[in-house]
Amino acid sequence: MLKSVITYNVFHHVAWGTSISVYFWLVGISAGAFLISSLSSVFNIKRYEPIALTSTITAILVLLIVPILLIWDLGQPLRFLYLLIPSYWHYSGPMSWGSALIILYSIAIIIYCYFLIKHNKPGAKVVGIICLILVVSLEWYTGVVMQLNPGRFLNHTSLTPLLFLAGAFISGIGFVILVLWIQNMVVEIKNRIEWKLIEEMAKYMMYGLVFDAFLLFLDFMNTLYGNENEVMGHEVVLMDVFRFSYLWLELLIGLIIPFFILVSPLKKFKAGVVLAALLVVVGVYGMRVWWVMGGQYLQTFY
């Protein structure tokens, strides 16, 4: 007769670490950068045409890093092939959908970029709509993967997909602003992007910060006044172990400071807008860190 032995004091490593945090961060930046590009091709806002190609190339270059992180995180890299084999793929698995969405989005955005280069506006619009659906679905999937785990008290909330979408929107805009700022310094004057357009993007980013702050407030209320496990997650994870990434990186550096820059006279200066964009990008990374690793902390060490 076989006997089962349960060992309670075995050290368990964190299943998802820095590589997955960076993966979520980069996917969000790629999604946000594409959304900027779609303003001209899908929504017919003509003044955004000069930055459509730059935003798309930025989205593609950032996205190219993602497969490396995912495959590396597996430990046994060749196992990523299982997600591509039809007999292993299953409709009920969020990660199955995630693998399909990443592949489809990668293919679609490259085709979209080709149409932009060829100035094929009808083709860019059709493929752009497909990319828009895929990119929203991709951010939804990343949120759902975290949400559908009752053991991770901080992540187990229906707000998760919205938080990931909001983070993608503001970090993508911030990253594109940084890219355009650098581009303007190296190209000829006649090819530079008008600063008024970048200021308008910064305004969109400010609106995104307000929405993100509202979602964070709702999530904060859920942890502060929730059940015993949720309160413990608030006290042990957010206010202690991951205090730096939550309070300092996400809230102060990535939300409060850039918001006050963008509503103050500092927004009239290029340095102010660039600094706000940089802080937002860094702050969203802080959110990804505590959301991925902090959510597992109680599961792993308690």
C-alpha atoms as a PDB file:
ATOM      1  CA  MET A   1       0.000   0.000   0.000  1.00  0.00           C
ATOM      2  CA  LEU A   2       1.416   3.371  -1.050  1.00  0.00           C
ATOM      3  CA  LYS A   3       1.578   6.135   1.518  1.00  0.00           C
ATOM      4  CA  SER A   4       1.574   9.835   0.795  1.00  0.00           C
ATOM      5  CA  VAL A   5       3.939  12.085   2.699  1.00  0.00           C
ATOM      6  CA  ILE A   6       3.204  15.804   2.923  1.00  0.00           C
ATOM      7  CA  THR A   7       6.100  18.080   3.783  1.00  0.00           C
ATOM      8  CA  TYR A   8       5.051  21.477   5.057  1.00  0.00           C
ATOM      9  CA  ASN A   9       8.414  23.203   5.485  1.00  0.00           C
ATOM     10  CA  VAL A  10       9.709  22.868   1.923  1.00  0.00           C
ATOM     11  CA  PHE A  11      10.865  26.163   0.400  1.00  0.00           C
ATOM     12  CA  HIS A  12       8.878  26.960  -2.741  1.00  0.00           C
ATOM     13  CA  HIS A  13      10.392  29.333  -5.281  1.00  0.00           C
ATOM     14  CA  VAL A  14       8.285  32.068  -6.870  1.00  0.00           C
ATOM     15  CA  ALA A  15       6.670  30.544  -9.933  1.00  0.00           C
ATOM     16  CA  TRP A  16       6.604  33.814 -11.861  1.00  0.00           C
ATOM     17  CA  GLY A  17       9.458  36.249 -11.373  1.00  0.00           C
ATOM     18  CA  THR A  18      11.040  39.250 -13.065  1.00  0.00           C
ATOM     19  CA  SER A  19      10.864  37.848 -16.596  1.00  0.00           C
ATOM     20  CA  ILE A  20       7.051  37.585 -16.436  1.00  0.00           C
ATOM     21  CA  SER A  21       6.768  41.064 -14.906  1.00  0.00           C
ATOM     22  CA  VAL A  22       8.827  42.467 -17.781  1.00  0.00           C
ATOM     23  CA  TYR A  23       6.745  40.443 -20.247  1.00  0.00           C
ATOM     24  CA  PHE A  24       3.485  41.993 -19.003  1.00  0.00           C
ATOM     25  CA  TRP A  25       5.134  45.419 -19.063  1.00  0.00           C
ATOM     26  CA  LEU A  26       6.429  45.125 -22.637  1.00  0.00           C
ATOM     27  CA  VAL A  27       3.180  43.677 -23.996  1.00  0.00           C
ATOM     28  CA  GLY A  28       1.381  46.662 -22.498  1.00  0.00           C
ATOM     29  CA  ILE A  29       3.810  49.137 -24.059  1.00  0.00           C
ATOM     30  CA  SER A  30       3.406  47.440 -27.437  1.00  0.00           C
ATOM     31  CA  ALA A  31      -0.376  47.574 -27.109  1.00  0.00           C
ATOM     32  CA  GLY A  32      -0.369  51.244 -26.120  1.00  0.00           C
ATOM     33  CA  ALA A  33       2.037  52.173 -28.927  1.00  0.00           C
ATOM     34  CA  PHE A  34      -0.209  50.486 -31.481  1.00  0.00           C
ATOM     35  CA  LEU A  35      -3.259  52.305 -30.126  1.00  0.00           C
ATOM     36  CA  ILE A  36      -1.500  55.595 -30.935  1.00  0.00           C
ATOM     37  CA  SER A  37      -0.813  54.364 -34.457  1.00  0.00           C
ATOM     38  CA  SER A  38      -4.443  53.321 -34.928  1.00  0.00           C
ATOM     39  CA  LEU A  39      -5.649  56.888 -34.329  1.00  0.00           C
ATOM     40  CA  SER A  40      -4.782  57.766 -37.923  1.00  0.00           C
ATOM     41  CA  SER A  41      -5.304  54.484 -39.779  1.00  0.00           C
ATOM     42  CA  VAL A  42      -8.432  53.200 -38.002  1.00  0.00           C
ATOM     43  CA  PHE A  43     -10.027  56.337 -36.541  1.00  0.00           C
ATOM     44  CA  ASN A  44      -9.045  58.661 -39.429  1.00  0.00           C
ATOM     45  CA  ILE A  45      -7.471  61.369 -37.254  1.00  0.00           C
ATOM     46  CA  LYS A  46      -5.204  62.851 -39.932  1.00  0.00           C
ATOM     47  CA  ARG A  47      -2.835  64.761 -37.652  1.00  0.00           C
ATOM     48  CA  TYR A  48      -1.529  61.448 -36.255  1.00  0.00           C
ATOM     49  CA  GLU A  49      -0.376  60.144 -39.641  1.00  0.00           C
ATOM     50  CA  PRO A  50       3.229  61.399 -39.179  1.00  0.00           C
ATOM     51  CA  ILE A  51       3.712  59.212 -36.090  1.00  0.00           C
ATOM     52  CA  ALA A  52       1.784  56.120 -37.210  1.00  0.00           C
ATOM     53  CA  LEU A  53       4.797  54.293 -38.637  1.00  0.00           C
ATOM     54  CA  THR A  54       7.099  55.218 -35.736  1.00  0.00           C
ATOM     55  CA  SER A  55       4.508  54.011 -33.214  1.00  0.00           C
ATOM     56  CA  THR A  56       4.021  50.752 -35.123  1.00  0.00           C
ATOM     57  CA  ILE A  57       7.746  50.015 -35.420  1.00  0.00           C
ATOM     58  CA  THR A  58       8.102  50.763 -31.696  1.00  0.00           C
ATOM     59  CA  ALA A  59       5.268  48.315 -30.935  1.00  0.00           C
ATOM     60  CA  ILE A  60       6.921  45.610 -33.074  1.00  0.00           C
ATOM     61  CA  LEU A  61      10.432  46.052 -31.640  1.00  0.00           C
ATOM     62  CA  VAL A  62       9.151  45.891 -28.069  1.00  0.00           C
ATOM     63  CA  LEU A  63       7.024  42.857 -28.934  1.00  0.00           C
ATOM     64  CA  LEU A  64      10.043  40.966 -30.326  1.00  0.00           C
ATOM     65  CA  ILE A  65      11.493  40.690 -26.807  1.00  0.00           C
ATOM     66  CA  VAL A  66       8.359  38.991 -25.458  1.00  0.00           C
ATOM     67  CA  PRO A  67       8.860  35.441 -26.864  1.00  0.00           C
ATOM     68  CA  ILE A  68      12.414  35.373 -25.497  1.00  0.00           C
ATOM     69  CA  LEU A  69      11.176  36.151 -21.979  1.00  0.00           C
ATOM     70  CA  LEU A  70       8.348  33.613 -22.117  1.00  0.00           C
ATOM     71  CA  ILE A  71      10.477  30.783 -23.474  1.00  0.00           C
ATOM     72  CA  TRP A  72      13.314  31.556 -21.063  1.00  0.00           C
ATOM     73  CA  ASP A  73      10.932  31.515 -18.088  1.00  0.00           C
ATOM     74  CA  LEU A  74       9.801  27.961 -18.884  1.00  0.00           C
ATOM     75  CA  GLY A  75      13.070  26.486 -17.621  1.00  0.00           C
ATOM     76  CA  GLN A  76      12.806  23.878 -20.366  1.00  0.00           C
ATOM     77  CA  PRO A  77      12.501  26.186 -23.396  1.00  0.00           C
ATOM     78  CA  LEU A  78      11.323  23.616 -25.913  1.00  0.00           C
ATOM     79  CA  ARG A  79       8.113  23.131 -23.941  1.00  0.00           C
ATOM     80  CA  PHE A  80       6.670  26.244 -25.571  1.00  0.00           C
ATOM     81  CA  LEU A  81       5.963  23.974 -28.554  1.00  0.00           C
ATOM     82  CA  TYR A  82       3.179  22.305 -26.572  1.00  0.00           C
ATOM     83  CA  LEU A  83       1.090  25.488 -26.841  1.00  0.00           C
ATOM     84  CA  LEU A  84       1.386  25.298 -30.634  1.00  0.00           C
ATOM     85  CA  ILE A  85       0.320  21.661 -30.982  1.00  0.00           C
ATOM     86  CA  PRO A  86      -3.451  21.371 -31.633  1.00  0.00           C
ATOM     87  CA  SER A  87      -3.821  18.248 -29.490  1.00  0.00           C
ATOM     88  CA  TYR A  88      -2.510  20.162 -26.437  1.00  0.00           C
ATOM     89  CA  TRP A  89      -4.337  23.448 -27.100  1.00  0.00           C
ATOM     90  CA  HIS A  90      -7.638  23.733 -25.265  1.00  0.00           C
ATOM     91  CA  TYR A  91     -10.269  26.471 -25.471  1.00  0.00           C
ATOM     92  CA  SER A  92     -10.794  26.557 -21.686  1.00  0.00           C
ATOM     93  CA  GLY A  93      -7.192  27.505 -20.895  1.00  0.00           C
ATOM     94  CA  PRO A  94      -6.402  31.266 -20.714  1.00  0.00           C
ATOM     95  CA  MET A  95      -2.776  30.566 -21.605  1.00  0.00           C
ATOM     96  CA  SER A  96      -3.875  28.653 -24.674  1.00  0.00           C
ATOM     97  CA  TRP A  97      -5.720  31.752 -25.814  1.00  0.00           C
ATOM     98  CA  GLY A  98      -2.750  33.888 -24.816  1.00  0.00           C
ATOM     99  CA  SER A  99      -0.348  31.939 -27.033  1.00  0.00           C
ATOM    100  CA  ALA A 100      -2.765  32.219 -29.954  1.00  0.00           C
ATOM    101  CA  LEU A 101      -3.322  35.955 -29.404  1.00  0.00           C
ATOM    102  CA  ILE A 102       0.400  36.757 -29.185  1.00  0.00           C
ATOM    103  CA  ILE A 103       1.119  34.883 -32.428  1.00  0.00           C
ATOM    104  CA  LEU A 104      -1.851  36.385 -34.284  1.00  0.00           C
ATOM    105  CA  TYR A 105      -1.088  39.905 -33.051  1.00  0.00           C
ATOM    106  CA  SER A 106       2.575  39.583 -34.076  1.00  0.00           C
ATOM    107  CA  ILE A 107       1.617  38.488 -37.597  1.00  0.00           C
ATOM    108  CA  ALA A 108      -1.152  41.098 -37.945  1.00  0.00           C
ATOM    109  CA  ILE A 109       0.948  44.058 -36.805  1.00  0.00           C
ATOM    110  CA  ILE A 110       3.757  43.168 -39.240  1.00  0.00           C
ATOM    111  CA  ILE A 111       1.218  43.081 -42.102  1.00  0.00           C
ATOM    112  CA  TYR A 112      -0.217  46.369 -40.818  1.00  0.00           C
ATOM    113  CA  CYS A 113       3.276  47.911 -40.814  1.00  0.00           C
ATOM    114  CA  TYR A 114       3.787  46.739 -44.411  1.00  0.00           C
ATOM    115  CA  PHE A 115       0.582  48.492 -45.503  1.00  0.00           C
ATOM    116  CA  LEU A 116       1.697  51.687 -43.750  1.00  0.00           C
ATOM    117  CA  ILE A 117       5.045  51.612 -45.536  1.00  0.00           C
ATOM    118  CA  LYS A 118       3.283  51.069 -48.877  1.00  0.00           C
ATOM    119  CA  HIS A 119       0.770  53.851 -48.065  1.00  0.00           C
ATOM    120  CA  ASN A 120      -2.071  51.387 -48.574  1.00  0.00           C
ATOM    121  CA  LYS A 121      -4.700  53.117 -46.435  1.00  0.00           C
ATOM    122  CA  PRO A 122      -7.599  50.692 -47.062  1.00  0.00           C
ATOM    123  CA  GLY A 123      -5.403  47.700 -46.243  1.00  0.00           C
ATOM    124  CA  ALA A 124      -3.968  49.432 -43.168  1.00  0.00           C
ATOM    125  CA  LYS A 125      -7.468  50.229 -41.913  1.00  0.00           C
ATOM    126  CA  VAL A 126      -8.772  46.663 -42.296  1.00  0.00           C
ATOM    127  CA  VAL A 127      -5.710  45.051 -40.702  1.00  0.00           C
ATOM    128  CA  GLY A 128      -5.583  47.868 -38.131  1.00  0.00           C
ATOM    129  CA  ILE A 129      -9.087  46.995 -36.939  1.00  0.00           C
ATOM    130  CA  ILE A 130      -8.011  43.353 -36.615  1.00  0.00           C
ATOM    131  CA  CYS A 131      -4.907  44.428 -34.677  1.00  0.00           C
ATOM    132  CA  LEU A 132      -7.045  46.627 -32.435  1.00  0.00           C
ATOM    133  CA  ILE A 133      -9.274  43.687 -31.542  1.00  0.00           C
ATOM    134  CA  LEU A 134      -6.245  41.461 -30.946  1.00  0.00           C
ATOM    135  CA  VAL A 135      -4.377  43.998 -28.835  1.00  0.00           C
ATOM    136  CA  VAL A 136      -7.361  44.639 -26.558  1.00  0.00           C
ATOM    137  CA  SER A 137      -7.887  40.869 -26.296  1.00  0.00           C
ATOM    138  CA  LEU A 138      -4.210  40.390 -25.479  1.00  0.00           C
ATOM    139  CA  GLU A 139      -4.344  42.830 -22.579  1.00  0.00           C
ATOM    140  CA  TRP A 140      -7.626  41.287 -21.447  1.00  0.00           C
ATOM    141  CA  TYR A 141      -5.960  37.856 -21.463  1.00  0.00           C
ATOM    142  CA  THR A 142      -2.985  39.008 -19.372  1.00  0.00           C
ATOM    143  CA  GLY A 143      -5.393  40.365 -16.783  1.00  0.00           C
ATOM    144  CA  VAL A 144      -7.536  37.225 -16.809  1.00  0.00           C
ATOM    145  CA  VAL A 145      -4.491  34.978 -16.284  1.00  0.00           C
ATOM    146  CA  MET A 146      -3.822  36.834 -13.032  1.00  0.00           C
ATOM    147  CA  GLN A 147      -7.476  37.181 -12.068  1.00  0.00           C
ATOM    148  CA  LEU A 148      -8.495  33.510 -12.288  1.00  0.00           C
ATOM    149  CA  ASN A 149      -6.513  32.321  -9.283  1.00  0.00           C
ATOM    150  CA  PRO A 150      -8.370  32.405  -5.943  1.00  0.00           C
ATOM    151  CA  GLY A 151      -5.131  31.610  -4.094  1.00  0.00           C
ATOM    152  CA  ARG A 152      -3.662  34.983  -5.106  1.00  0.00           C
ATOM    153  CA  PHE A 153      -5.805  37.280  -3.037  1.00  0.00           C
ATOM    154  CA  LEU A 154      -4.445  40.528  -4.461  1.00  0.00           C
ATOM    155  CA  ASN A 155      -5.016  39.431  -8.059  1.00  0.00           C
ATOM    156  CA  HIS A 156      -8.390  37.744  -7.639  1.00  0.00           C
ATOM    157  CA  THR A 157     -10.560  40.668  -8.717  1.00  0.00           C
ATOM    158  CA  SER A 158     -12.564  41.471 -11.826  1.00  0.00           C
ATOM    159  CA  LEU A 159     -10.766  44.832 -12.000  1.00  0.00           C
ATOM    160  CA  THR A 160      -7.583  43.104 -13.171  1.00  0.00           C
ATOM    161  CA  PRO A 161      -8.159  43.261 -16.954  1.00  0.00           C
ATOM    162  CA  LEU A 162      -9.156  46.943 -16.707  1.00  0.00           C
ATOM    163  CA  LEU A 163      -6.036  47.737 -14.664  1.00  0.00           C
ATOM    164  CA  PHE A 164      -3.860  46.020 -17.244  1.00  0.00           C
ATOM    165  CA  LEU A 165      -5.594  47.870 -20.101  1.00  0.00           C
ATOM    166  CA  ALA A 166      -5.188  51.225 -18.336  1.00  0.00           C
ATOM    167  CA  GLY A 167      -1.520  50.496 -17.619  1.00  0.00           C
ATOM    168  CA  ALA A 168      -0.946  49.523 -21.253  1.00  0.00           C
ATOM    169  CA  PHE A 169      -2.594  52.716 -22.495  1.00  0.00           C
ATOM    170  CA  ILE A 170      -0.573  55.139 -20.370  1.00  0.00           C
ATOM    171  CA  SER A 171       2.767  53.295 -20.595  1.00  0.00           C
ATOM    172  CA  GLY A 172       2.439  52.917 -24.382  1.00  0.00           C
ATOM    173  CA  ILE A 173       1.775  56.641 -24.798  1.00  0.00           C
ATOM    174  CA  GLY A 174       4.642  57.490 -22.451  1.00  0.00           C
ATOM    175  CA  PHE A 175       7.052  55.228 -24.324  1.00  0.00           C
ATOM    176  CA  VAL A 176       6.063  56.661 -27.727  1.00  0.00           C
ATOM    177  CA  ILE A 177       6.578  60.195 -26.379  1.00  0.00           C
ATOM    178  CA  LEU A 178      10.104  59.229 -25.341  1.00  0.00           C
ATOM    179  CA  VAL A 179      10.789  57.655 -28.755  1.00  0.00           C
ATOM    180  CA  LEU A 180       9.485  60.729 -30.614  1.00  0.00           C
ATOM    181  CA  TRP A 181      11.525  63.047 -28.371  1.00  0.00           C
ATOM    182  CA  ILE A 182      14.695  61.104 -29.232  1.00  0.00           C
ATOM    183  CA  GLN A 183      13.704  60.941 -32.904  1.00  0.00           C
ATOM    184  CA  ASN A 184      13.270  64.715 -33.047  1.00  0.00           C
ATOM    185  CA  MET A 185      16.823  65.169 -31.761  1.00  0.00           C
ATOM    186  CA  VAL A 186      18.431  63.069 -34.502  1.00  0.00           C
ATOM    187  CA  VAL A 187      16.386  63.835 -37.652  1.00  0.00           C
ATOM    188  CA  GLU A 188      16.393  66.953 -39.807  1.00  0.00           C
ATOM    189  CA  ILE A 189      14.202  69.853 -38.715  1.00  0.00           C
ATOM    190  CA  LYS A 190      11.752  69.358 -41.594  1.00  0.00           C
ATOM    191  CA  ASN A 191      11.128  65.737 -40.498  1.00  0.00           C
ATOM    192  CA  ARG A 192      10.510  66.483 -36.834  1.00  0.00           C
ATOM    193  CA  ILE A 193       7.153  65.818 -35.210  1.00  0.00           C
ATOM    194  CA  GLU A 194       5.313  68.947 -34.083  1.00  0.00           C
ATOM    195  CA  TRP A 195       5.570  69.336 -30.339  1.00  0.00           C
ATOM    196  CA  LYS A 196       1.875  70.248 -30.142  1.00  0.00           C
ATOM    197  CA  LEU A 197       1.037  66.688 -31.191  1.00  0.00           C
ATOM    198  CA  ILE A 198       3.236  65.266 -28.439  1.00  0.00           C
ATOM    199  CA  GLU A 199       1.588  67.607 -25.926  1.00  0.00           C
ATOM    200  CA  GLU A 200      -1.792  66.283 -27.057  1.00  0.00           C
ATOM    201  CA  MET A 201      -0.608  62.717 -26.480  1.00  0.00           C
ATOM    202  CA  ALA A 202       0.544  63.757 -23.008  1.00  0.00           C
ATOM    203  CA  LYS A 203      -2.977  65.062 -22.350  1.00  0.00           C
ATOM    204  CA  TYR A 204      -4.399  61.650 -23.277  1.00  0.00           C
ATOM    205  CA  MET A 205      -1.877  60.106 -20.918  1.00  0.00           C
ATOM    206  CA  MET A 206      -3.086  62.397 -18.131  1.00  0.00           C
ATOM    207  CA  TYR A 207      -6.681  61.254 -18.682  1.00  0.00           C
ATOM    208  CA  GLY A 208      -5.438  57.681 -18.504  1.00  0.00           C
ATOM    209  CA  LEU A 209      -3.715  58.437 -15.202  1.00  0.00           C
ATOM    210  CA  VAL A 210      -7.001  59.671 -13.744  1.00  0.00           C
ATOM    211  CA  PHE A 211      -8.792  56.498 -14.823  1.00  0.00           C
ATOM    212  CA  ASP A 212      -5.932  54.337 -13.533  1.00  0.00           C
ATOM    213  CA  ALA A 213      -6.021  56.148 -10.180  1.00  0.00           C
ATOM    214  CA  PHE A 214      -9.760  55.487  -9.909  1.00  0.00           C
ATOM    215  CA  LEU A 215      -9.254  51.764 -10.559  1.00  0.00           C
ATOM    216  CA  LEU A 216      -6.405  51.616  -8.040  1.00  0.00           C
ATOM    217  CA  PHE A 217      -8.608  53.304  -5.453  1.00  0.00           C
ATOM    218  CA  LEU A 218     -11.320  50.677  -5.993  1.00  0.00           C
ATOM    219  CA  ASP A 219      -8.741  47.906  -5.682  1.00  0.00           C
ATOM    220  CA  PHE A 220      -7.274  49.532  -2.565  1.00  0.00           C
ATOM    221  CA  MET A 221     -10.721  49.615  -0.950  1.00  0.00           C
ATOM    222  CA  ASN A 222     -11.149  45.942  -1.767  1.00  0.00           C
ATOM    223  CA  THR A 223      -7.917  45.004   0.003  1.00  0.00           C
ATOM    224  CA  LEU A 224      -8.362  47.372   2.940  1.00  0.00           C
ATOM    225  CA  TYR A 225     -11.950  46.389   3.771  1.00  0.00           C
ATOM    226  CA  GLY A 226     -12.021  42.875   2.331  1.00  0.00           C
ATOM    227  CA  ASN A 227     -11.897  39.511   4.040  1.00  0.00           C
ATOM    228  CA  GLU A 228      -9.092  38.302   6.291  1.00  0.00           C
ATOM    229  CA  ASN A 229      -6.890  37.140   3.412  1.00  0.00           C
ATOM    230  CA  GLU A 230      -7.301  40.372   1.450  1.00  0.00           C
ATOM    231  CA  VAL A 231      -6.474  42.520   4.470  1.00  0.00           C
ATOM    232  CA  MET A 232      -3.397  40.390   5.095  1.00  0.00           C
ATOM    233  CA  GLY A 233      -2.384  40.904   1.453  1.00  0.00           C
ATOM    234  CA  HIS A 234      -2.694  44.652   1.921  1.00  0.00           C
ATOM    235  CA  GLU A 235      -0.638  44.740   5.116  1.00  0.00           C
ATOM    236  CA  VAL A 236       2.019  42.123   4.302  1.00  0.00           C
ATOM    237  CA  VAL A 237       2.458  42.549   0.546  1.00  0.00           C
ATOM    238  CA  LEU A 238       1.513  46.094  -0.467  1.00  0.00           C
ATOM    239  CA  MET A 239       2.593  47.916   2.680  1.00  0.00           C
ATOM    240  CA  ASP A 240       5.611  45.797   3.564  1.00  0.00           C
ATOM    241  CA  VAL A 241       7.409  43.414   1.200  1.00  0.00           C
ATOM    242  CA  PHE A 242       6.444  45.173  -2.046  1.00  0.00           C
ATOM    243  CA  ARG A 243       6.118  48.628  -0.560  1.00  0.00           C
ATOM    244  CA  PHE A 244       8.737  50.105  -2.930  1.00  0.00           C
ATOM    245  CA  SER A 245       7.153  48.898  -6.176  1.00  0.00           C
ATOM    246  CA  TYR A 246       3.614  49.734  -4.993  1.00  0.00           C
ATOM    247  CA  LEU A 247       3.897  52.979  -3.022  1.00  0.00           C
ATOM    248  CA  TRP A 248       7.003  54.525  -4.534  1.00  0.00           C
ATOM    249  CA  LEU A 249       7.218  53.234  -8.104  1.00  0.00           C
ATOM    250  CA  GLU A 250       3.555  52.933  -9.052  1.00  0.00           C
ATOM    251  CA  LEU A 251       1.739  55.516  -6.924  1.00  0.00           C
ATOM    252  CA  LEU A 252       4.261  58.280  -6.301  1.00  0.00           C
ATOM    253  CA  ILE A 253       6.687  58.086  -9.237  1.00  0.00           C
ATOM    254  CA  GLY A 254       4.331  56.662 -11.832  1.00  0.00           C
ATOM    255  CA  LEU A 255       1.047  58.378 -10.982  1.00  0.00           C
ATOM    256  CA  ILE A 256       1.078  61.306  -8.562  1.00  0.00           C
ATOM    257  CA  ILE A 257       4.196  63.156  -9.794  1.00  0.00           C
ATOM    258  CA  PRO A 258       3.447  62.882 -13.548  1.00  0.00           C
ATOM    259  CA  PHE A 259      -0.171  63.876 -12.959  1.00  0.00           C
ATOM    260  CA  PHE A 260       0.843  67.070 -11.175  1.00  0.00           C
ATOM    261  CA  ILE A 261       3.394  67.805 -13.901  1.00  0.00           C
ATOM    262  CA  LEU A 262       0.703  67.477 -16.573  1.00  0.00           C
ATOM    263  CA  VAL A 263      -1.825  69.702 -14.770  1.00  0.00           C
ATOM    264  CA  SER A 264       0.709  72.360 -13.787  1.00  0.00           C
ATOM    265  CA  PRO A 265       2.600  75.003 -15.819  1.00  0.00           C
ATOM    266  CA  LEU A 266       5.424  72.434 -16.151  1.00  0.00           C
ATOM    267  CA  LYS A 267       3.487  70.801 -19.000  1.00  0.00           C
ATOM    268  CA  LYS A 268       4.432  73.783 -21.185  1.00  0.00           C
ATOM    269  CA  PHE A 269       8.086  72.728 -21.077  1.00  0.00           C
ATOM    270  CA  LYS A 270       9.440  69.842 -23.138  1.00  0.00           C
ATOM    271  CA  ALA A 271      11.462  68.605 -20.179  1.00  0.00           C
ATOM    272  CA  GLY A 272       8.302  68.415 -18.061  1.00  0.00           C
ATOM    273  CA  VAL A 273       6.389  66.355 -20.627  1.00  0.00           C
ATOM    274  CA  VAL A 274       9.344  64.019 -21.231  1.00  0.00           C
ATOM    275  CA  LEU A 275       9.900  63.558 -17.503  1.00  0.00           C
ATOM    276  CA  ALA A 276       6.209  62.765 -16.970  1.00  0.00           C
ATOM    277  CA  ALA A 277       6.316  60.192 -19.785  1.00  0.00           C
ATOM    278  CA  LEU A 278       9.420  58.542 -18.340  1.00  0.00           C
ATOM    279  CA  LEU A 279       7.939  58.392 -14.839  1.00  0.00           C
ATOM    280  CA  VAL A 280       4.715  56.829 -16.138  1.00  0.00           C
ATOM    281  CA  VAL A 281       6.620  54.104 -17.998  1.00  0.00           C
ATOM    282  CA  VAL A 282       8.669  53.326 -14.869  1.00  0.00           C
ATOM    283  CA  GLY A 283       5.588  53.444 -12.632  1.00  0.00           C
ATOM    284  CA  VAL A 284       3.659  50.937 -14.742  1.00  0.00           C
ATOM    285  CA  TYR A 285       6.616  48.566 -14.464  1.00  0.00           C
ATOM    286  CA  GLY A 286       6.326  48.886 -10.682  1.00  0.00           C
ATOM    287  CA  MET A 287       2.667  47.867 -10.967  1.00  0.00           C
ATOM    288  CA  ARG A 288       3.602  44.813 -13.021  1.00  0.00           C
ATOM    289  CA  VAL A 289       6.199  43.776 -10.421  1.00  0.00           C
ATOM    290  CA  TRP A 290       3.959  43.739  -7.357  1.00  0.00           C
ATOM    291  CA  TRP A 291       0.989  42.428  -9.319  1.00  0.00           C
ATOM    292  CA  VAL A 292       2.896  39.390 -10.596  1.00  0.00           C
ATOM    293  CA  MET A 293       5.260  38.591  -7.730  1.00  0.00           C
ATOM    294  CA  GLY A 294       3.321  40.179  -4.883  1.00  0.00           C
ATOM    295  CA  GLY A 295       0.205  38.245  -5.766  1.00  0.00           C
ATOM    296  CA  GLN A 296       2.132  34.997  -5.292  1.00  0.00           C
ATOM    297  CA  TYR A 297       3.894  36.015  -2.099  1.00  0.00           C
ATOM    298  CA  LEU A 298       1.297  34.807   0.407  1.00  0.00           C
ATOM    299  CA  GLN A 299       0.793  31.655  -1.650  1.00  0.00           C
ATOM    300  CA  THR A 300       4.500  30.923  -1.605  1.00  0.00           C
ATOM    301  CA  PHE A 301       5.721  31.883   1.844  1.00  0.00           C
ATOM    302  CA  TYR A 302       2.652  31.438   4.108  1.00  0.00           C
END
